[in-house]
Protein backbone atom coordinates (compact mmCIF):
# COMPACT_ATOMS: atom_id res chain seq x y z
CA MET A 1 12.30 -34.97 -50.75
CA ILE A 2 8.85 -34.22 -52.12
CA GLY A 3 9.03 -32.50 -55.49
CA SER A 4 12.77 -32.52 -55.81
CA GLU A 5 15.46 -35.08 -56.06
CA LYS A 6 17.97 -32.92 -54.31
CA PRO A 7 17.57 -29.78 -52.24
CA MET A 8 18.80 -26.51 -53.64
CA LEU A 9 20.68 -25.80 -50.54
CA ARG A 10 21.79 -28.13 -47.75
CA LEU A 11 24.12 -27.52 -44.76
CA GLU A 12 25.88 -30.55 -43.16
CA ASP A 13 27.20 -30.21 -39.69
CA LEU A 14 28.36 -26.60 -40.79
CA GLN A 15 30.48 -24.68 -38.25
CA ILE A 16 31.02 -20.94 -39.16
CA GLY A 17 33.51 -18.54 -38.06
CA TYR A 18 37.07 -17.03 -38.44
CA TYR A 19 40.69 -18.45 -38.24
CA ARG A 20 42.72 -16.34 -35.95
CA SER A 21 46.32 -16.38 -35.40
CA GLY A 22 46.70 -19.69 -36.98
CA ARG A 23 44.78 -21.54 -34.48
CA ARG A 24 41.87 -23.59 -35.85
CA ASN A 25 38.32 -23.02 -34.42
CA GLU A 26 39.50 -20.07 -32.22
CA GLY A 27 37.08 -17.99 -34.08
CA ARG A 28 34.11 -20.19 -34.00
CA ILE A 29 30.88 -18.16 -34.10
CA TYR A 30 28.09 -20.76 -34.67
CA SER A 31 27.78 -24.40 -34.82
CA PRO A 32 26.60 -27.08 -35.86
CA LEU A 33 24.02 -26.25 -38.67
CA ASN A 34 22.06 -28.91 -40.44
CA LEU A 35 19.53 -27.20 -42.68
CA GLU A 36 17.92 -27.54 -46.01
CA ALA A 37 16.06 -25.55 -48.51
CA ALA A 38 14.11 -27.87 -50.72
CA GLY A 39 13.51 -25.76 -53.61
CA PRO A 40 12.36 -22.18 -54.72
CA GLU A 41 11.64 -20.33 -51.55
CA MET A 42 12.49 -17.17 -49.67
CA ILE A 43 14.26 -17.43 -46.31
CA GLY A 44 14.96 -14.63 -43.95
CA ILE A 45 17.64 -14.85 -41.45
CA ILE A 46 16.91 -12.86 -38.07
CA GLY A 47 19.24 -12.48 -35.19
CA ARG A 48 20.88 -9.76 -32.97
CA ASN A 49 24.01 -7.99 -34.14
CA GLY A 50 27.29 -9.97 -33.95
CA ILE A 51 25.47 -13.38 -33.67
CA GLY A 52 26.85 -14.45 -37.13
CA LYS A 53 24.20 -13.64 -39.87
CA SER A 54 26.78 -12.18 -42.20
CA THR A 55 29.39 -14.73 -41.51
CA LEU A 56 26.78 -17.48 -42.38
CA LEU A 57 25.90 -15.68 -45.65
CA ARG A 58 29.37 -15.45 -46.65
CA THR A 59 29.99 -18.99 -45.87
CA LEU A 60 27.14 -20.05 -47.93
CA ALA A 61 28.33 -18.02 -50.72
CA GLY A 62 31.78 -19.54 -50.74
CA ILE A 63 33.28 -16.20 -49.91
CA GLN A 64 34.97 -17.53 -46.74
CA PRO A 65 35.57 -21.14 -45.86
CA PRO A 66 33.64 -22.99 -43.11
CA LEU A 67 35.56 -24.06 -40.00
CA GLN A 68 34.05 -27.46 -40.43
CA GLY A 69 31.22 -29.23 -42.29
CA LYS A 70 29.96 -28.81 -45.81
CA VAL A 71 27.61 -26.63 -48.06
CA PHE A 72 25.86 -28.52 -50.84
CA ILE A 73 24.28 -26.42 -53.82
CA ARG A 74 22.07 -28.71 -55.86
CA GLY A 75 24.11 -31.70 -54.56
CA SER A 76 27.42 -30.09 -55.26
CA ASP A 77 29.94 -29.67 -52.44
CA SER A 78 30.79 -25.97 -52.72
CA ARG A 79 34.32 -26.34 -51.53
CA LYS A 80 34.96 -29.05 -54.22
CA THR A 81 33.30 -26.92 -57.02
CA ALA A 82 35.31 -24.85 -59.25
CA ARG A 83 35.01 -21.04 -58.69
CA SER A 84 33.71 -20.57 -62.28
CA GLU A 85 30.96 -23.31 -61.82
CA LEU A 86 30.09 -21.90 -58.33
CA ALA A 87 29.49 -18.55 -59.89
CA ARG A 88 26.78 -20.27 -62.01
CA LEU A 89 25.13 -21.71 -58.87
CA ILE A 90 25.03 -18.91 -56.54
CA SER A 91 25.23 -15.07 -56.53
CA PHE A 92 25.76 -12.67 -53.73
CA VAL A 93 24.63 -9.21 -52.89
CA SER A 94 26.61 -7.57 -50.22
CA THR A 95 25.96 -4.45 -48.10
CA GLU A 96 28.99 -2.70 -49.70
CA SER A 97 27.94 0.09 -52.19
CA VAL A 98 29.44 0.17 -55.65
CA ARG A 99 30.55 3.87 -56.08
CA VAL A 100 32.68 3.90 -59.46
CA GLN A 101 32.78 7.19 -61.29
CA ASN A 102 31.38 6.84 -64.85
CA LEU A 103 30.22 3.38 -64.48
CA ARG A 104 26.58 3.16 -65.74
CA VAL A 105 23.72 0.98 -64.65
CA MET A 106 23.66 -1.10 -67.71
CA GLU A 107 27.33 -1.86 -67.42
CA LEU A 108 27.15 -2.80 -63.90
CA VAL A 109 24.08 -5.17 -64.67
CA SER A 110 26.05 -6.59 -67.59
CA MET A 111 28.88 -7.66 -65.06
CA GLY A 112 26.49 -10.51 -63.80
CA ARG A 113 27.20 -12.27 -67.06
CA PHE A 114 30.94 -12.74 -66.07
CA PRO A 115 30.57 -16.55 -65.52
CA TYR A 116 29.43 -17.14 -69.07
CA THR A 117 31.60 -14.65 -71.13
CA ASN A 118 34.91 -15.51 -72.80
CA TRP A 119 38.34 -14.13 -71.71
CA LEU A 120 37.46 -10.99 -73.69
CA GLY A 121 34.28 -10.58 -71.82
CA LYS A 122 32.22 -10.05 -75.03
CA LEU A 123 28.55 -10.41 -74.64
CA THR A 124 26.39 -12.43 -76.95
CA GLY A 125 22.78 -11.88 -78.09
CA ASP A 126 21.59 -14.27 -75.38
CA ASP A 127 23.55 -12.28 -72.56
CA MET A 128 21.97 -9.02 -73.81
CA ARG A 129 18.60 -10.80 -73.55
CA ILE A 130 19.08 -11.94 -70.10
CA ILE A 131 20.47 -8.58 -69.02
CA GLN A 132 17.56 -6.83 -70.44
CA ASP A 133 15.07 -9.29 -68.71
CA ALA A 134 16.72 -8.56 -65.35
CA ILE A 135 16.47 -4.77 -65.86
CA GLU A 136 12.96 -5.10 -66.70
CA HIS A 137 12.10 -7.44 -63.78
CA THR A 138 13.56 -5.05 -61.26
CA GLY A 139 11.93 -2.13 -62.73
CA ILE A 140 15.10 -0.05 -63.65
CA GLN A 141 14.51 0.50 -67.35
CA HIS A 142 14.57 4.18 -66.72
CA LEU A 143 17.88 4.05 -64.97
CA ARG A 144 19.86 2.10 -67.78
CA HIS A 145 22.21 4.90 -68.73
CA LYS A 146 22.38 6.77 -65.18
CA PRO A 147 25.84 6.80 -63.48
CA VAL A 148 25.89 4.29 -60.47
CA HIS A 149 27.29 6.88 -58.18
CA LYS A 150 24.29 9.21 -58.85
CA LEU A 151 21.83 6.52 -57.67
CA SER A 152 19.73 6.67 -54.50
CA ASP A 153 20.17 3.78 -52.13
CA GLY A 154 16.74 2.18 -53.11
CA GLU A 155 17.83 2.53 -56.77
CA ARG A 156 21.22 1.13 -56.15
CA GLN A 157 20.00 -2.05 -54.32
CA LYS A 158 17.61 -2.66 -57.24
CA VAL A 159 20.54 -2.50 -59.61
CA MET A 160 22.52 -4.91 -57.46
CA ILE A 161 19.77 -7.37 -57.40
CA ALA A 162 19.39 -7.03 -61.22
CA ARG A 163 23.09 -7.92 -61.47
CA ALA A 164 22.64 -11.03 -59.40
CA LEU A 165 19.53 -11.81 -61.55
CA ALA A 166 21.66 -11.47 -64.70
CA GLN A 167 24.00 -14.04 -63.35
CA ASP A 168 21.32 -16.54 -63.70
CA THR A 169 21.84 -18.58 -60.59
CA PRO A 170 19.52 -20.68 -58.76
CA VAL A 171 20.39 -19.34 -55.42
CA ILE A 172 20.68 -15.58 -54.59
CA ILE A 173 22.05 -14.61 -51.16
CA LEU A 174 21.77 -11.00 -49.98
CA ASP A 175 23.28 -9.47 -46.68
CA GLU A 176 20.86 -6.83 -45.37
CA PRO A 177 19.19 -5.79 -48.69
CA THR A 178 16.96 -3.30 -47.02
CA ALA A 179 19.52 -1.59 -44.83
CA PHE A 180 19.53 2.30 -45.17
CA LEU A 181 16.18 2.20 -47.04
CA ASP A 182 13.07 4.01 -46.23
CA LEU A 183 9.88 2.11 -45.51
CA PRO A 184 8.36 1.99 -48.94
CA ALA A 185 11.70 1.05 -50.57
CA ARG A 186 12.05 -1.83 -48.07
CA HIS A 187 8.80 -3.28 -49.02
CA GLU A 188 9.59 -2.89 -52.67
CA ILE A 189 12.93 -4.61 -52.55
CA LEU A 190 11.37 -7.64 -50.58
CA ARG A 191 8.51 -7.77 -53.09
CA ILE A 192 10.96 -7.97 -55.93
CA LEU A 193 12.76 -10.86 -54.12
CA SER A 194 9.52 -12.60 -53.28
CA ASN A 195 8.43 -12.46 -56.95
CA LEU A 196 11.75 -14.01 -57.90
CA THR A 197 10.85 -17.28 -55.95
CA ARG A 198 7.53 -17.57 -57.65
CA GLN A 199 8.20 -16.26 -61.16
CA ARG A 200 11.92 -17.34 -61.59
CA SER A 201 12.16 -20.31 -59.27
CA LYS A 202 14.94 -18.75 -57.27
CA LEU A 203 16.09 -19.60 -53.79
CA ILE A 204 16.45 -16.33 -51.89
CA VAL A 205 18.34 -16.36 -48.76
CA PHE A 206 18.78 -12.98 -46.84
CA SER A 207 19.51 -11.38 -43.69
CA THR A 208 17.41 -8.48 -42.15
CA HIS A 209 16.38 -6.77 -39.07
CA ASP A 210 12.93 -5.77 -40.54
CA LEU A 211 11.08 -8.58 -39.03
CA ALA A 212 7.68 -7.19 -39.57
CA ILE A 213 8.28 -6.66 -43.33
CA ALA A 214 10.09 -9.96 -43.74
CA MET A 215 7.14 -11.96 -42.13
CA ASP A 216 4.73 -10.67 -44.73
CA GLU A 217 6.93 -12.04 -47.55
CA VAL A 218 9.20 -14.97 -46.37
CA ASP A 219 8.30 -18.78 -46.69
CA LYS A 220 10.73 -19.62 -43.70
CA LEU A 221 12.75 -17.85 -41.12
CA TRP A 222 16.08 -18.83 -39.71
CA LEU A 223 16.21 -17.55 -36.31
CA MET A 224 19.96 -17.24 -34.96
CA THR A 225 19.67 -17.22 -31.08
CA ASP A 226 22.03 -17.82 -28.31
CA GLU A 227 20.56 -21.20 -27.70
CA GLY A 228 20.83 -22.18 -31.32
CA LEU A 229 19.03 -21.79 -34.55
CA LEU A 230 15.33 -22.22 -35.02
CA GLU A 231 13.63 -22.52 -38.28
CA GLY A 232 10.18 -22.64 -39.48
CA ALA A 233 7.49 -20.40 -41.07
CA PRO A 234 6.90 -17.05 -39.29
CA GLU A 235 3.53 -18.49 -37.89
CA ASP A 236 5.27 -21.62 -36.57
CA LEU A 237 7.79 -19.39 -34.62
CA LEU A 238 4.98 -17.52 -33.19
CA ILE A 239 3.28 -20.60 -32.01
CA ASN A 240 6.46 -22.06 -30.50
CA HIS A 241 7.50 -18.72 -28.93
CA GLY A 242 10.66 -18.88 -30.95
CA PHE A 243 10.85 -14.92 -31.11
CA ALA A 244 11.09 -14.85 -27.15
CA LYS A 245 14.55 -16.48 -27.44
CA LEU A 246 16.04 -13.56 -29.77
CA PHE A 247 17.16 -11.48 -27.06
CA GLY A 248 17.57 -13.71 -24.06
CA ASN A 249 17.38 -11.78 -20.68
CA SER A 250 17.20 -8.24 -22.33
CA ASP A 251 14.42 -5.85 -21.90
CA MET A 252 13.34 -6.55 -25.52
CA GLU A 253 10.16 -8.55 -26.26
CA PHE A 254 8.25 -9.62 -29.37
CA ASP A 255 4.71 -8.12 -29.52
CA THR A 256 2.63 -10.59 -31.40
CA GLY A 257 -0.21 -8.17 -31.89
CA ASN A 258 1.86 -5.73 -33.74
CA MET A 259 4.37 -8.15 -35.03
CA ALA A 260 7.35 -6.15 -33.80
CA PHE A 261 9.92 -5.86 -31.05
CA ARG A 262 9.60 -3.42 -28.33
CA PHE A 263 10.95 -2.77 -24.89
CA SER A 264 9.05 -4.40 -22.18
CA ARG A 265 7.12 -2.08 -19.99
CA ASP A 266 5.75 -2.08 -16.33
CA VAL A 267 2.08 -1.76 -16.44
CA SER A 268 0.77 0.54 -13.61
CA ARG A 269 -3.01 -0.02 -13.90
CA ASN A 270 -5.85 -0.82 -16.13
CA ILE A 271 -7.87 1.47 -18.47
CA SER A 272 -11.00 0.82 -20.54
CA VAL A 273 -10.99 1.76 -24.17
CA HIS A 274 -14.07 1.62 -26.39
CA GLY A 275 -14.66 2.58 -29.98
CA ASP A 276 -14.31 1.24 -33.60
CA ASP A 277 -11.17 0.01 -34.97
CA PRO A 278 -8.56 1.11 -36.13
CA LEU A 279 -8.91 4.18 -33.84
CA ARG A 280 -9.30 1.92 -30.79
CA ILE A 281 -6.22 -0.11 -31.85
CA TYR A 282 -4.23 3.30 -32.19
CA THR A 283 -5.44 4.57 -28.73
CA CYS A 284 -4.58 1.12 -27.02
CA LYS A 285 -1.09 1.23 -28.51
CA ALA A 286 -0.57 4.70 -27.28
CA MET A 287 -1.93 3.84 -23.79
CA GLU A 288 0.41 0.87 -23.51
CA ARG A 289 3.26 2.96 -24.53
CA ILE A 290 2.84 5.16 -21.36
CA GLY A 291 2.28 2.14 -19.13
CA TYR A 292 -1.36 1.12 -19.18
CA ARG A 293 -3.12 -2.21 -19.87
CA THR A 294 -6.09 -1.61 -22.03
CA ILE A 295 -9.19 -3.71 -21.66
CA ARG A 296 -12.85 -3.56 -22.80
CA ASP A 297 -14.16 -4.01 -19.26
CA GLN A 298 -16.24 -1.02 -17.85
CA ASP A 299 -15.01 -1.78 -14.35
CA THR A 300 -12.15 0.71 -14.33
CA ASP A 301 -11.48 4.16 -12.84
CA TYR A 302 -11.22 5.83 -16.14
CA ILE A 303 -13.13 4.89 -19.45
CA ILE A 304 -12.19 6.22 -22.70
CA HIS A 305 -14.95 6.35 -25.51
CA ILE A 306 -13.88 7.25 -28.99
CA ASN A 307 -16.57 9.04 -30.95
CA MET A 308 -16.88 10.79 -34.28
CA ALA A 309 -17.66 14.55 -34.11
CA GLY A 310 -18.48 15.19 -37.99
CA ASN A 311 -15.57 13.95 -39.78
CA SER A 312 -13.22 14.19 -36.79
CA PRO A 313 -12.60 11.63 -33.95
CA GLN A 314 -12.69 12.81 -30.31
CA TRP A 315 -11.75 10.92 -27.23
CA VAL A 316 -14.12 11.19 -24.22
CA VAL A 317 -12.66 10.31 -20.93
CA THR A 318 -15.10 9.50 -18.14
CA GLY A 319 -13.74 9.29 -14.47
CA LYS A 320 -13.93 10.86 -10.94
CA GLU A 321 -13.46 14.37 -12.69
CA GLY A 322 -16.64 13.71 -14.86
CA GLN A 323 -16.27 13.68 -18.75
CA ILE A 324 -13.37 15.52 -20.50
CA THR A 325 -13.13 15.56 -24.24
CA PHE A 326 -9.79 15.60 -26.29
CA PRO A 327 -9.26 16.28 -29.92
CA SER A 328 -6.20 13.96 -30.35
CA ILE A 329 -4.33 10.93 -28.90
CA TYR A 330 -1.38 13.35 -28.09
CA ALA A 331 -3.70 15.67 -25.94
CA LEU A 332 -5.17 12.55 -24.23
CA THR A 333 -2.01 11.02 -23.31
CA THR A 334 0.35 13.91 -22.81
CA HIS A 335 -2.01 16.70 -21.55
CA PHE A 336 -4.17 14.70 -19.34
CA ILE A 337 -3.11 11.13 -18.53
CA LYS A 338 0.59 11.63 -18.08
CA THR A 339 0.20 15.21 -16.45
CA ASN A 340 -2.49 14.07 -13.99
CA ARG A 341 -1.00 10.54 -13.55
CA ILE A 342 -4.40 8.91 -13.40
C-alpha cells in the first residue's frame, strides 16, 4: 500500500444485514464486500432507499455485528477490539437528533471525550484544548452556551460533528449528515468534512442522497446498486456509466451535464437554441423539461435566439408565425410553446 503500511479501513468478505427469529443470514442485505480506504480521504455512499447504506455504516461503526466477514480499522479486527479502544478509533454521527432540555452545546461536544476520561468523567486541560479546537474547527464558537434543543438543524449537525471531532478518532462515520438541511447548509457541512480529511488527516465515510454536492467534495464514491457495489472517483463512475445502474429499470436517469438524477422524458422534436451561456444553458434545460431536444443547428421549424435588450434578456422565436419576442423563459415555454404545441 503506497504511503501507508496498513489501510485505515478494510472490509474483508463483509456481509451485512440483520438476524431475524434466530435464523442466521435470513436478514442478509448486501454481500460480500471487499473494500479498502488507504488513508485520509472522503468517501460518499450513494444508493436508493432500503439498499443497506445505514446498515453498512452501522456495521462499520461496530453498532451492529456483521453476518459474516470482518471490519479492520488500522489493522485491528473491530469485533476483537475492546469497546473502549474501538471508541478511540471510530466515531459515529447518526441521523437521530439530540433534544435534551438544558443540555448546552459545550457539554454535548465535551461528551466526545468519554473514551479518555476516568470513571468520574473529569476533563483535563488537554481535554479542554481538544474540545475547544473541535468547536473552532466547526465554526460554532458563538453557540457554546446555547441549549441544544434551541439549535437549528444545521447548527445541530455542526455540533454533532464537533463532538465526533473531540472524540479524536482517525475514522468518522456519518449517516446522512445533510438530511433535512437547506442547500447552503448542505454545502457547508460537506466542506467542513472535506477539510477534516485535508487538515486533520481523517477518514470520512458518509451516506447521502445529495449526489451533485457530494461529487464536488468526495475523493471516492461507494455506489450501492442491485448488481453490487461499485467504487471509484466520481469521474471514474461517469466514465464507466456506473450511475446508470443505481435505479435499474426505473424511469430515473443520470444527467451527466447537470450532474443530477432526473426522470427520463420522451423527446417530441428538435428545437434550435442560440445565445450566450449561461442563458442558453438555462433555456435548453427548460426546453428539455417540456420534451424538446435542443440543438444548435439552424435547420429546425423553430429557432430561439437569446438577445439582450439593455440589461434584460429576451427570447426571440422565429418560426412559421414570423418572430415573437418573450420577456422570460416562463413566458416562452408556458405561454407559447406548451400552449401552441409547436
